């Protein structure tokens, strides 16, 4: 199995983002080695890169109140064992994080890849559709948390759609 429940997490935030001055939307914990990386909705997607580089396909959410596991190899949610504490980032750490590094407005970004959600092949199209559907919100003043909420809604909808298509049950 690709899980070692005895290994503690590597820290309180994405290892690579903290080292490079980057930021994240949500955090994921490698269940095989404890590495903390940023989610695929984050600009740098370090958790999935770590999984590909190390062959550790199973992650657990590192967000408070979230216990789910994801297997990158099978692209499915599942329940796993309780991992060594702590099981989430510090409660005073903001989402997105870390504090002081997250662009507060779209205009604060130097290019669309900086904000991560827009123009990427990952969720950019979905966010663009959500943004255009909410045309009453001024795009110039939309904040990153607004996009984070849209991403969360999309992730839940996508999980439900995958579950319905496969006939599997998904616990969110």
C-alpha atoms as a PDB file:
ATOM      1  CA  UNK A   1       0.000   0.000   0.000  1.00  0.00           C
ATOM      2  CA  UNK A   2       1.145   3.558  -0.701  1.00  0.00           C
ATOM      3  CA  UNK A   3       0.305   4.875   2.772  1.00  0.00           C
ATOM      4  CA  UNK A   4       2.502   5.179   5.851  1.00  0.00           C
ATOM      5  CA  UNK A   5       0.276   6.467   8.663  1.00  0.00           C
ATOM      6  CA  UNK A   6       3.249   6.949  11.030  1.00  0.00           C
ATOM      7  CA  UNK A   7       5.003   9.647   8.966  1.00  0.00           C
ATOM      8  CA  UNK A   8       4.174  13.181  10.137  1.00  0.00           C
ATOM      9  CA  UNK A   9       3.508  16.007   7.676  1.00  0.00           C
ATOM     10  CA  UNK A  10       6.502  17.922   6.312  1.00  0.00           C
ATOM     11  CA  UNK A  11       5.258  21.250   7.672  1.00  0.00           C
ATOM     12  CA  UNK A  12       2.348  23.646   7.907  1.00  0.00           C
ATOM     13  CA  UNK A  13       2.266  24.705   4.250  1.00  0.00           C
ATOM     14  CA  UNK A  14       3.305  23.751   0.731  1.00  0.00           C
ATOM     15  CA  UNK A  15       7.029  22.987   0.919  1.00  0.00           C
ATOM     16  CA  UNK A  16       7.817  24.350  -2.541  1.00  0.00           C
ATOM     17  CA  UNK A  17       5.594  27.451  -2.279  1.00  0.00           C
ATOM     18  CA  UNK A  18       7.124  28.388   1.054  1.00  0.00           C
ATOM     19  CA  UNK A  19      10.622  28.000  -0.410  1.00  0.00           C
ATOM     20  CA  UNK A  20       9.866  29.922  -3.620  1.00  0.00           C
ATOM     21  CA  UNK A  21       7.636  32.705  -2.301  1.00  0.00           C
ATOM     22  CA  UNK A  22       4.526  31.204  -3.933  1.00  0.00           C
ATOM     23  CA  UNK A  23       0.991  30.750  -2.619  1.00  0.00           C
ATOM     24  CA  UNK A  24      -1.743  28.125  -2.611  1.00  0.00           C
ATOM     25  CA  UNK A  25      -5.470  27.646  -2.513  1.00  0.00           C
ATOM     26  CA  UNK A  26      -5.636  24.384  -0.576  1.00  0.00           C
ATOM     27  CA  UNK A  27      -3.102  21.967   0.844  1.00  0.00           C
ATOM     28  CA  UNK A  28      -2.706  18.236   0.246  1.00  0.00           C
ATOM     29  CA  UNK A  29      -0.651  15.722   2.225  1.00  0.00           C
ATOM     30  CA  UNK A  30       1.189  12.817   0.633  1.00  0.00           C
ATOM     31  CA  UNK A  31      -0.030   9.720   2.459  1.00  0.00           C
ATOM     32  CA  UNK A  32       3.166   7.867   1.561  1.00  0.00           C
ATOM     33  CA  UNK A  33       5.755  10.347   2.800  1.00  0.00           C
ATOM     34  CA  UNK A  34       4.086  13.297   4.532  1.00  0.00           C
ATOM     35  CA  UNK A  35       5.005  15.905   1.895  1.00  0.00           C
ATOM     36  CA  UNK A  36       2.689  18.934   2.025  1.00  0.00           C
ATOM     37  CA  UNK A  37       1.951  20.377  -1.405  1.00  0.00           C
ATOM     38  CA  UNK A  38      -0.572  22.723  -2.958  1.00  0.00           C
ATOM     39  CA  UNK A  39      -3.694  21.453  -4.735  1.00  0.00           C
ATOM     40  CA  UNK A  40      -4.334  21.337  -8.469  1.00  0.00           C
ATOM     41  CA  UNK A  41      -6.421  24.513  -8.226  1.00  0.00           C
ATOM     42  CA  UNK A  42      -3.343  26.364  -6.967  1.00  0.00           C
ATOM     43  CA  UNK A  43      -0.981  28.116  -9.381  1.00  0.00           C
ATOM     44  CA  UNK A  44       1.892  25.617  -8.988  1.00  0.00           C
ATOM     45  CA  UNK A  45       0.079  22.303  -8.293  1.00  0.00           C
ATOM     46  CA  UNK A  46       2.956  20.906  -6.230  1.00  0.00           C
ATOM     47  CA  UNK A  47       1.003  17.988  -4.678  1.00  0.00           C
ATOM     48  CA  UNK A  48       0.278  16.320  -8.022  1.00  0.00           C
ATOM     49  CA  UNK A  49       3.834  17.028  -9.237  1.00  0.00           C
ATOM     50  CA  UNK A  50       5.155  15.362  -6.083  1.00  0.00           C
ATOM     51  CA  UNK A  51       2.920  12.342  -6.693  1.00  0.00           C
ATOM     52  CA  UNK A  52       4.180  12.007 -10.273  1.00  0.00           C
ATOM     53  CA  UNK A  53       7.829  12.489  -9.296  1.00  0.00           C
ATOM     54  CA  UNK A  54       7.843  10.091  -6.327  1.00  0.00           C
ATOM     55  CA  UNK A  55       5.315   7.448  -7.325  1.00  0.00           C
ATOM     56  CA  UNK A  56       3.252   8.243  -4.205  1.00  0.00           C
ATOM     57  CA  UNK A  57      -0.221   8.586  -5.770  1.00  0.00           C
ATOM     58  CA  UNK A  58      -2.339   8.886  -2.618  1.00  0.00           C
ATOM     59  CA  UNK A  59      -2.946  12.192  -0.892  1.00  0.00           C
ATOM     60  CA  UNK A  60      -5.195  13.382   1.901  1.00  0.00           C
ATOM     61  CA  UNK A  61      -6.651  16.841   2.230  1.00  0.00           C
ATOM     62  CA  UNK A  62      -4.639  18.953   4.683  1.00  0.00           C
ATOM     63  CA  UNK A  63      -7.560  21.293   5.308  1.00  0.00           C
ATOM     64  CA  UNK A  64      -9.390  21.496   8.671  1.00  0.00           C
ATOM     65  CA  UNK A  65     -12.518  19.337   8.740  1.00  0.00           C
ATOM     66  CA  UNK A  66     -11.628  17.393   5.590  1.00  0.00           C
ATOM     67  CA  UNK A  67     -10.727  13.719   5.967  1.00  0.00           C
ATOM     68  CA  UNK A  68     -10.920  12.504   2.344  1.00  0.00           C
ATOM     69  CA  UNK A  69      -8.176  10.778   0.391  1.00  0.00           C
ATOM     70  CA  UNK A  70      -7.561  10.978  -3.368  1.00  0.00           C
ATOM     71  CA  UNK A  71      -5.679   8.491  -5.507  1.00  0.00           C
ATOM     72  CA  UNK A  72      -4.031  10.192  -8.500  1.00  0.00           C
ATOM     73  CA  UNK A  73      -3.462   6.784 -10.148  1.00  0.00           C
ATOM     74  CA  UNK A  74      -7.134   5.752 -10.163  1.00  0.00           C
ATOM     75  CA  UNK A  75      -8.595   9.285 -10.052  1.00  0.00           C
ATOM     76  CA  UNK A  76     -10.939   8.276  -7.225  1.00  0.00           C
ATOM     77  CA  UNK A  77     -11.793   9.414  -3.722  1.00  0.00           C
ATOM     78  CA  UNK A  78     -11.622   6.849  -0.946  1.00  0.00           C
ATOM     79  CA  UNK A  79     -11.362   6.448   2.815  1.00  0.00           C
ATOM     80  CA  UNK A  80      -7.958   5.802   4.336  1.00  0.00           C
ATOM     81  CA  UNK A  81      -6.427   5.338   7.779  1.00  0.00           C
ATOM     82  CA  UNK A  82      -5.879   8.094  10.301  1.00  0.00           C
ATOM     83  CA  UNK A  83      -2.512   9.694   9.593  1.00  0.00           C
ATOM     84  CA  UNK A  84      -0.014  10.984  12.172  1.00  0.00           C
ATOM     85  CA  UNK A  85      -0.901  14.411  13.565  1.00  0.00           C
ATOM     86  CA  UNK A  86      -1.305  17.170  12.795  1.00  0.00           C
ATOM     87  CA  UNK A  87      -4.010  16.303  10.267  1.00  0.00           C
ATOM     88  CA  UNK A  88      -4.494  19.842   8.923  1.00  0.00           C
ATOM     89  CA  UNK A  89      -2.701  23.155   8.620  1.00  0.00           C
ATOM     90  CA  UNK A  90      -2.845  25.566  11.598  1.00  0.00           C
ATOM     91  CA  UNK A  91      -6.319  27.001  12.106  1.00  0.00           C
ATOM     92  CA  UNK A  92      -4.974  30.567  12.042  1.00  0.00           C
ATOM     93  CA  UNK A  93      -3.457  30.048   8.579  1.00  0.00           C
ATOM     94  CA  UNK A  94      -5.648  31.720   5.945  1.00  0.00           C
ATOM     95  CA  UNK A  95      -7.099  30.018   2.877  1.00  0.00           C
ATOM     96  CA  UNK A  96      -5.730  30.784   0.373  1.00  0.00           C
ATOM     97  CA  UNK A  97      -2.324  31.152   1.974  1.00  0.00           C
ATOM     98  CA  UNK A  98       0.149  31.882   3.242  1.00  0.00           C
ATOM     99  CA  UNK A  99      -0.753  35.274   4.683  1.00  0.00           C
ATOM    100  CA  UNK A 100       0.805  38.175   2.857  1.00  0.00           C
ATOM    101  CA  UNK A 101       1.584  36.340  -0.393  1.00  0.00           C
ATOM    102  CA  UNK A 102      -1.819  35.905  -2.016  1.00  0.00           C
ATOM    103  CA  UNK A 103      -2.687  38.513  -4.672  1.00  0.00           C
ATOM    104  CA  UNK A 104      -5.785  40.282  -3.369  1.00  0.00           C
ATOM    105  CA  UNK A 105      -7.062  41.446  -6.753  1.00  0.00           C
ATOM    106  CA  UNK A 106      -6.703  40.274 -10.302  1.00  0.00           C
ATOM    107  CA  UNK A 107      -4.905  43.565 -11.072  1.00  0.00           C
ATOM    108  CA  UNK A 108      -2.192  42.669  -8.524  1.00  0.00           C
ATOM    109  CA  UNK A 109      -1.037  39.803 -10.748  1.00  0.00           C
ATOM    110  CA  UNK A 110       1.653  40.362 -13.350  1.00  0.00           C
ATOM    111  CA  UNK A 111       0.151  37.784 -15.712  1.00  0.00           C
ATOM    112  CA  UNK A 112      -2.662  35.246 -15.829  1.00  0.00           C
ATOM    113  CA  UNK A 113      -0.417  32.334 -14.860  1.00  0.00           C
ATOM    114  CA  UNK A 114       0.345  34.079 -11.563  1.00  0.00           C
ATOM    115  CA  UNK A 115      -3.259  33.815 -10.449  1.00  0.00           C
ATOM    116  CA  UNK A 116      -3.296  30.228 -11.626  1.00  0.00           C
ATOM    117  CA  UNK A 117      -6.985  29.660 -12.189  1.00  0.00           C
ATOM    118  CA  UNK A 118      -7.338  31.732 -15.326  1.00  0.00           C
ATOM    119  CA  UNK A 119      -6.015  30.580 -18.656  1.00  0.00           C
ATOM    120  CA  UNK A 120      -4.776  27.235 -17.328  1.00  0.00           C
ATOM    121  CA  UNK A 121      -5.895  24.005 -18.902  1.00  0.00           C
ATOM    122  CA  UNK A 122      -6.848  22.724 -15.467  1.00  0.00           C
ATOM    123  CA  UNK A 123      -9.810  24.726 -14.169  1.00  0.00           C
ATOM    124  CA  UNK A 124      -9.332  27.973 -16.060  1.00  0.00           C
ATOM    125  CA  UNK A 125     -12.178  27.366 -18.493  1.00  0.00           C
ATOM    126  CA  UNK A 126     -14.582  26.525 -15.696  1.00  0.00           C
ATOM    127  CA  UNK A 127     -13.619  29.599 -13.697  1.00  0.00           C
ATOM    128  CA  UNK A 128     -13.941  31.753 -16.810  1.00  0.00           C
ATOM    129  CA  UNK A 129     -17.456  30.352 -17.365  1.00  0.00           C
ATOM    130  CA  UNK A 130     -18.365  30.957 -13.727  1.00  0.00           C
ATOM    131  CA  UNK A 131     -16.997  34.493 -13.940  1.00  0.00           C
ATOM    132  CA  UNK A 132     -18.958  35.298 -17.093  1.00  0.00           C
ATOM    133  CA  UNK A 133     -22.109  33.801 -15.564  1.00  0.00           C
ATOM    134  CA  UNK A 134     -21.683  36.196 -12.666  1.00  0.00           C
ATOM    135  CA  UNK A 135     -21.433  39.238 -14.939  1.00  0.00           C
ATOM    136  CA  UNK A 136     -22.934  41.503 -12.298  1.00  0.00           C
ATOM    137  CA  UNK A 137     -19.690  41.247 -10.310  1.00  0.00           C
ATOM    138  CA  UNK A 138     -17.056  43.739 -11.440  1.00  0.00           C
ATOM    139  CA  UNK A 139     -14.085  41.655 -12.639  1.00  0.00           C
ATOM    140  CA  UNK A 140     -11.621  44.391 -11.676  1.00  0.00           C
ATOM    141  CA  UNK A 141     -12.526  44.154  -7.998  1.00  0.00           C
ATOM    142  CA  UNK A 142     -13.040  40.390  -7.719  1.00  0.00           C
ATOM    143  CA  UNK A 143     -10.764  38.982  -5.032  1.00  0.00           C
ATOM    144  CA  UNK A 144      -8.919  35.683  -4.877  1.00  0.00           C
ATOM    145  CA  UNK A 145     -11.305  34.331  -2.193  1.00  0.00           C
ATOM    146  CA  UNK A 146     -14.173  34.896  -4.659  1.00  0.00           C
ATOM    147  CA  UNK A 147     -12.328  32.667  -7.121  1.00  0.00           C
ATOM    148  CA  UNK A 148     -11.547  30.195  -4.332  1.00  0.00           C
ATOM    149  CA  UNK A 149     -15.267  29.862  -3.603  1.00  0.00           C
ATOM    150  CA  UNK A 150     -15.957  29.280  -7.298  1.00  0.00           C
ATOM    151  CA  UNK A 151     -13.212  26.644  -7.440  1.00  0.00           C
ATOM    152  CA  UNK A 152     -14.629  24.865  -4.355  1.00  0.00           C
ATOM    153  CA  UNK A 153     -18.091  24.781  -5.961  1.00  0.00           C
ATOM    154  CA  UNK A 154     -16.580  23.413  -9.163  1.00  0.00           C
ATOM    155  CA  UNK A 155     -14.579  20.721  -7.310  1.00  0.00           C
ATOM    156  CA  UNK A 156     -17.701  19.478  -5.512  1.00  0.00           C
ATOM    157  CA  UNK A 157     -19.761  19.485  -8.708  1.00  0.00           C
ATOM    158  CA  UNK A 158     -16.986  17.675 -10.605  1.00  0.00           C
ATOM    159  CA  UNK A 159     -16.730  14.994  -7.883  1.00  0.00           C
ATOM    160  CA  UNK A 160     -20.486  14.435  -7.984  1.00  0.00           C
ATOM    161  CA  UNK A 161     -20.446  14.230 -11.782  1.00  0.00           C
ATOM    162  CA  UNK A 162     -17.552  11.708 -11.708  1.00  0.00           C
ATOM    163  CA  UNK A 163     -19.415   9.669  -9.117  1.00  0.00           C
ATOM    164  CA  UNK A 164     -22.626   9.669 -11.145  1.00  0.00           C
ATOM    165  CA  UNK A 165     -20.777   8.693 -14.329  1.00  0.00           C
ATOM    166  CA  UNK A 166     -18.931   5.807 -12.681  1.00  0.00           C
ATOM    167  CA  UNK A 167     -21.759   4.604 -10.454  1.00  0.00           C
ATOM    168  CA  UNK A 168     -19.452   4.897  -7.416  1.00  0.00           C
ATOM    169  CA  UNK A 169     -20.371   6.679  -4.216  1.00  0.00           C
ATOM    170  CA  UNK A 170     -18.242   9.630  -3.215  1.00  0.00           C
ATOM    171  CA  UNK A 171     -18.059  10.984   0.291  1.00  0.00           C
ATOM    172  CA  UNK A 172     -17.214  14.693   0.260  1.00  0.00           C
END
